[in-house]
Protein backbone atom coordinates (compact mmCIF):
# COMPACT_ATOMS: atom_id res chain seq x y z
CA UNK A 1 0.00 0.00 0.00
CA UNK A 2 1.27 3.47 -0.88
CA UNK A 3 1.84 5.70 2.13
CA UNK A 4 -0.24 8.87 2.35
CA UNK A 5 1.44 12.24 2.84
CA UNK A 6 0.76 15.08 5.25
CA UNK A 7 1.70 18.49 3.84
CA UNK A 8 1.58 21.86 5.61
CA UNK A 9 1.07 24.92 3.42
CA UNK A 10 2.73 28.31 3.87
CA UNK A 11 0.69 31.10 2.26
CA UNK A 12 3.10 34.03 1.93
CA UNK A 13 2.14 37.68 1.65
CA UNK A 14 4.70 40.50 2.01
CA UNK A 15 7.25 37.97 3.21
CA UNK A 16 5.09 36.62 6.07
CA UNK A 17 2.97 33.51 6.51
CA UNK A 18 -0.74 34.43 6.53
CA UNK A 19 -4.07 32.57 6.70
CA UNK A 20 -7.68 33.41 5.93
CA UNK A 21 -11.11 31.82 5.51
CA UNK A 22 -12.57 31.18 2.03
CA UNK A 23 -9.51 33.05 0.69
CA UNK A 24 -10.54 36.20 2.61
CA UNK A 25 -9.95 37.82 6.02
CA UNK A 26 -6.18 37.31 5.85
CA UNK A 27 -4.28 37.46 9.16
CA UNK A 28 -0.57 37.34 9.98
CA UNK A 29 0.75 34.05 11.38
CA UNK A 30 4.54 33.66 11.48
CA UNK A 31 7.95 34.09 9.89
CA UNK A 32 8.12 31.58 7.00
CA UNK A 33 11.67 30.36 7.71
CA UNK A 34 10.92 29.62 11.37
CA UNK A 35 7.68 27.85 10.48
CA UNK A 36 9.30 25.85 7.68
CA UNK A 37 12.04 24.64 10.04
CA UNK A 38 9.39 23.67 12.59
CA UNK A 39 7.53 21.54 10.03
CA UNK A 40 10.75 20.00 8.75
CA UNK A 41 11.47 18.82 12.29
CA UNK A 42 7.87 17.82 13.06
CA UNK A 43 7.43 14.99 10.57
CA UNK A 44 5.88 16.79 7.58
CA UNK A 45 6.35 14.78 4.38
CA UNK A 46 6.58 17.84 2.15
CA UNK A 47 6.01 21.58 2.29
CA UNK A 48 4.04 23.84 -0.05
CA UNK A 49 4.96 27.53 -0.36
CA UNK A 50 2.50 29.87 -2.10
CA UNK A 51 3.17 33.56 -2.69
CA UNK A 52 -0.58 34.19 -2.66
CA UNK A 53 -0.70 37.74 -4.01
CA UNK A 54 2.04 37.56 -6.65
CA UNK A 55 -0.38 36.91 -9.53
CA UNK A 56 -2.92 39.48 -8.37
CA UNK A 57 -0.21 42.11 -7.88
CA UNK A 58 1.55 41.15 -11.11
CA UNK A 59 5.01 40.77 -9.62
CA UNK A 60 7.66 38.10 -9.23
CA UNK A 61 7.67 35.63 -6.38
CA UNK A 62 9.68 36.42 -3.23
CA UNK A 63 12.91 34.64 -4.23
CA UNK A 64 14.85 35.77 -1.16
CA UNK A 65 12.27 34.32 1.24
CA UNK A 66 12.12 31.14 -0.83
CA UNK A 67 15.89 30.68 -0.75
CA UNK A 68 15.92 31.08 3.04
CA UNK A 69 13.12 28.52 3.43
CA UNK A 70 14.71 26.03 1.02
CA UNK A 71 18.12 26.22 2.70
CA UNK A 72 16.63 25.40 6.10
CA UNK A 73 14.59 22.28 5.27
CA UNK A 74 15.33 18.79 3.98
CA UNK A 75 11.87 17.72 2.83
CA UNK A 76 10.50 18.25 -0.71
CA UNK A 77 9.35 21.80 -1.38
CA UNK A 78 6.65 22.82 -3.87
CA UNK A 79 6.50 26.52 -4.74
CA UNK A 80 3.93 28.63 -6.57
CA UNK A 81 3.07 32.28 -7.19
CA UNK A 82 2.82 34.09 -10.54
CA UNK A 83 4.49 31.30 -12.53
CA UNK A 84 3.94 32.32 -16.15
CA UNK A 85 6.98 31.17 -18.12
CA UNK A 86 9.81 28.66 -18.29
CA UNK A 87 12.04 31.41 -16.92
CA UNK A 88 9.84 31.51 -13.81
CA UNK A 89 10.15 27.73 -13.45
CA UNK A 90 13.91 28.02 -13.82
CA UNK A 91 14.21 30.79 -11.23
CA UNK A 92 12.11 28.98 -8.65
CA UNK A 93 13.93 25.67 -9.12
CA UNK A 94 17.30 27.41 -8.84
CA UNK A 95 16.08 29.07 -5.63
CA UNK A 96 15.67 25.65 -4.03
CA UNK A 97 12.22 24.34 -5.00
CA UNK A 98 11.82 20.67 -5.88
CA UNK A 99 8.51 21.19 -7.70
CA UNK A 100 6.81 24.22 -9.21
CA UNK A 101 3.09 24.87 -8.83
CA UNK A 102 1.34 26.68 -11.65
CA UNK A 103 -2.22 28.00 -11.45
CA UNK A 104 -3.20 31.30 -13.08
CA UNK A 105 -0.22 31.01 -15.45
CA UNK A 106 -1.57 27.75 -16.88
CA UNK A 107 -5.02 29.27 -17.33
CA UNK A 108 -3.51 32.13 -19.33
CA UNK A 109 -1.15 29.86 -21.27
CA UNK A 110 -2.02 26.12 -21.06
CA UNK A 111 1.00 25.18 -23.18
CA UNK A 112 3.33 26.12 -20.30
CA UNK A 113 2.56 22.77 -18.64
CA UNK A 114 3.74 20.69 -21.57
CA UNK A 115 6.77 22.91 -22.16
CA UNK A 116 7.82 22.74 -18.50
CA UNK A 117 7.24 18.98 -18.30
CA UNK A 118 9.40 18.45 -21.37
CA UNK A 119 12.23 20.59 -20.01
CA UNK A 120 12.16 19.68 -16.29
CA UNK A 121 10.17 16.43 -16.15
CA UNK A 122 6.55 15.73 -15.22
CA UNK A 123 7.48 15.28 -11.55
CA UNK A 124 8.45 18.98 -11.34
CA UNK A 125 5.15 20.31 -12.70
CA UNK A 126 2.30 20.66 -10.22
CA UNK A 127 -1.09 21.95 -11.31
CA UNK A 128 -2.73 23.99 -8.56
CA UNK A 129 -6.49 24.37 -8.96
CA UNK A 130 -8.60 26.84 -6.95
CA UNK A 131 -12.07 25.33 -7.27
CA UNK A 132 -15.44 26.73 -6.22
CA UNK A 133 -18.97 25.38 -6.60
CA UNK A 134 -21.03 27.57 -8.92
CA UNK A 135 -24.57 26.50 -9.85
CA UNK A 136 -23.80 22.88 -9.02
CA UNK A 137 -20.60 22.80 -11.06
CA UNK A 138 -16.95 22.73 -9.97
CA UNK A 139 -15.39 25.82 -11.54
CA UNK A 140 -11.77 27.00 -11.75
CA UNK A 141 -11.04 30.40 -10.22
CA UNK A 142 -7.95 32.52 -10.87
CA UNK A 143 -6.01 35.32 -9.17
CA UNK A 144 -6.24 33.97 -5.64
CA UNK A 145 -9.87 32.91 -5.95
CA UNK A 146 -11.02 36.33 -7.20
CA UNK A 147 -11.97 35.54 -10.78
CA UNK A 148 -14.24 32.84 -12.22
CA UNK A 149 -12.53 31.58 -15.37
CA UNK A 150 -15.56 29.70 -16.72
CA UNK A 151 -13.43 26.52 -16.87
CA UNK A 152 -14.92 23.30 -15.45
CA UNK A 153 -12.49 21.76 -12.94
CA UNK A 154 -12.65 18.04 -13.78
CA UNK A 155 -12.09 18.63 -17.50
CA UNK A 156 -9.27 21.07 -16.70
CA UNK A 157 -7.57 18.47 -14.51
CA UNK A 158 -7.80 15.88 -17.28
CA UNK A 159 -6.45 18.26 -19.91
CA UNK A 160 -3.50 19.45 -17.83
CA UNK A 161 -2.41 15.98 -16.72
CA UNK A 162 -2.62 14.74 -20.29
CA UNK A 163 -0.34 17.66 -21.22
CA UNK A 164 2.26 16.74 -18.59
CA UNK A 165 1.29 17.90 -15.10
CA UNK A 166 2.66 15.26 -12.76
CA UNK A 167 0.63 16.17 -9.68
CA UNK A 168 -2.47 18.20 -8.78
CA UNK A 169 -3.25 20.28 -5.72
CA UNK A 170 -7.02 20.74 -5.43
CA UNK A 171 -7.82 23.82 -3.33
CA UNK A 172 -11.50 24.00 -2.37
CA UNK A 173 -12.46 27.66 -1.94
CA UNK A 174 -15.78 26.69 -0.34
CA UNK A 175 -14.12 24.73 2.48
CA UNK A 176 -10.89 26.76 2.83
CA UNK A 177 -10.27 27.63 6.48
CA UNK A 178 -13.79 26.58 7.50
CA UNK A 179 -12.56 23.41 9.28
CA UNK A 180 -15.62 21.30 8.53
CA UNK A 181 -13.76 18.69 6.48
CA UNK A 182 -12.47 18.26 2.95
CA UNK A 183 -14.77 18.47 -0.09
CA UNK A 184 -15.11 14.71 -0.65
CA UNK A 185 -17.43 14.99 -3.65
CA UNK A 186 -15.13 17.36 -5.52
CA UNK A 187 -12.02 15.32 -4.74
CA UNK A 188 -13.68 12.06 -5.78
CA UNK A 189 -14.70 13.54 -9.13
CA UNK A 190 -11.18 14.77 -9.87
CA UNK A 191 -9.42 11.60 -8.65
CA UNK A 192 -11.69 9.49 -10.86
CA UNK A 193 -10.65 11.57 -13.86
CA UNK A 194 -6.84 11.54 -13.53
CA UNK A 195 -4.05 9.05 -12.86
CA UNK A 196 -1.49 11.37 -11.22
CA UNK A 197 -1.12 12.05 -7.47
CA UNK A 198 -3.81 14.35 -6.06
CA UNK A 199 -3.28 16.53 -2.98
CA UNK A 200 -6.45 17.59 -1.15
CA UNK A 201 -6.50 21.12 0.26
CA UNK A 202 -9.15 23.10 2.12
CA UNK A 203 -11.31 22.20 5.09
CA UNK A 204 -9.22 20.19 7.55
CA UNK A 205 -10.32 20.94 11.11
CA UNK A 206 -9.29 17.86 13.10
CA UNK A 207 -7.53 14.51 12.81
CA UNK A 208 -10.78 12.75 11.91
CA UNK A 209 -11.07 14.87 8.76
CA UNK A 210 -7.89 13.27 7.42
CA UNK A 211 -9.18 9.78 8.23
CA UNK A 212 -12.42 10.56 6.39
CA UNK A 213 -10.46 11.95 3.45
CA UNK A 214 -8.19 8.95 2.96
CA UNK A 215 -10.94 6.39 3.53
CA UNK A 216 -13.57 8.13 1.41
CA UNK A 217 -11.28 9.04 -1.49
CA UNK A 218 -8.63 6.30 -1.81
CA UNK A 219 -7.21 8.07 -4.88
CA UNK A 220 -6.07 11.05 -2.82
CA UNK A 221 -2.34 10.82 -2.12
CA UNK A 222 -1.95 13.60 0.42
CA UNK A 223 -3.80 15.92 2.75
CA UNK A 224 -2.70 19.54 2.86
CA UNK A 225 -3.61 21.99 5.60
CA UNK A 226 -2.48 25.30 7.06
CA UNK A 227 -4.26 26.84 10.03
CA UNK A 228 -4.72 23.69 12.13
CA UNK A 229 -0.98 23.11 11.91
CA UNK A 230 0.05 26.77 12.20
CA UNK A 231 -1.97 27.37 15.36
CA UNK A 232 -1.04 24.09 17.03
CA UNK A 233 -4.51 22.57 16.87
CA UNK A 234 -3.12 19.39 15.30
CA UNK A 235 0.42 18.07 15.71
CA UNK A 236 1.69 16.30 12.58
CA UNK A 237 3.46 13.52 14.46
CA UNK A 238 0.34 12.84 16.53
CA UNK A 239 -1.79 12.94 13.37
CA UNK A 240 0.34 10.32 11.67
CA UNK A 241 0.24 8.02 14.70
CA UNK A 242 -3.55 8.41 14.82
CA UNK A 243 -3.91 7.58 11.12
CA UNK A 244 -1.64 4.53 11.41
CA UNK A 245 -3.84 3.36 14.27
CA UNK A 246 -6.81 3.70 11.91
CA UNK A 247 -5.12 1.47 9.33
CA UNK A 248 -3.86 4.22 7.02
CA UNK A 249 -0.24 3.84 5.88
CA UNK A 250 1.97 6.79 6.84
CA UNK A 251 5.71 7.47 6.84
CA UNK A 252 7.01 8.13 10.36
């Protein structure tokens, strides 16, 4: 059985880790380097680093913060934020990222996924999808959840993985920060449509939510969360021990 992964997420704004609810009401949390080191030492399998306002503000990602984070951890690091070109991929990878997450950039230029996969390998290309329910459909939103693109999420996931995306992060805007559990229906629909690893993001409020996730959607490879880890509500080592006790394979 393949082990499941637990992944904390650092949302970065102005060089600081922040967190909100439904992508709004952003509040300051911590210094990213200190928090990254904490997760590295606490049993996290990987770390995701999003510069959440880079696309909206139309600027480059915080390379200096990224380099400091990357040099202080020894677990895989996925990085995203205004990735629009192969030059952006190159810069982020040279700053210490193991994988590059592309979201709005792929919506603007879908060919970037295939080009990046060809140059750096599928395993380096992560499609990040901000998904919201609109009139009973799962729709892709851009620019930090501000703009409905009119693209249906399941078809987008299929298209991008066929073009070379080696992994998908599914961010549910409806459940983000609400702590009532992951969006099982949405995740099931996307996992049924693709054959690459899927990371579930948005909605974790307790250890039981991860158990429900992995049992209800066997195709999900990892659970990603932010606030419950940042504010000490759930300890990653304790979470893994709990999940192992529930018969879910984890790496300790």
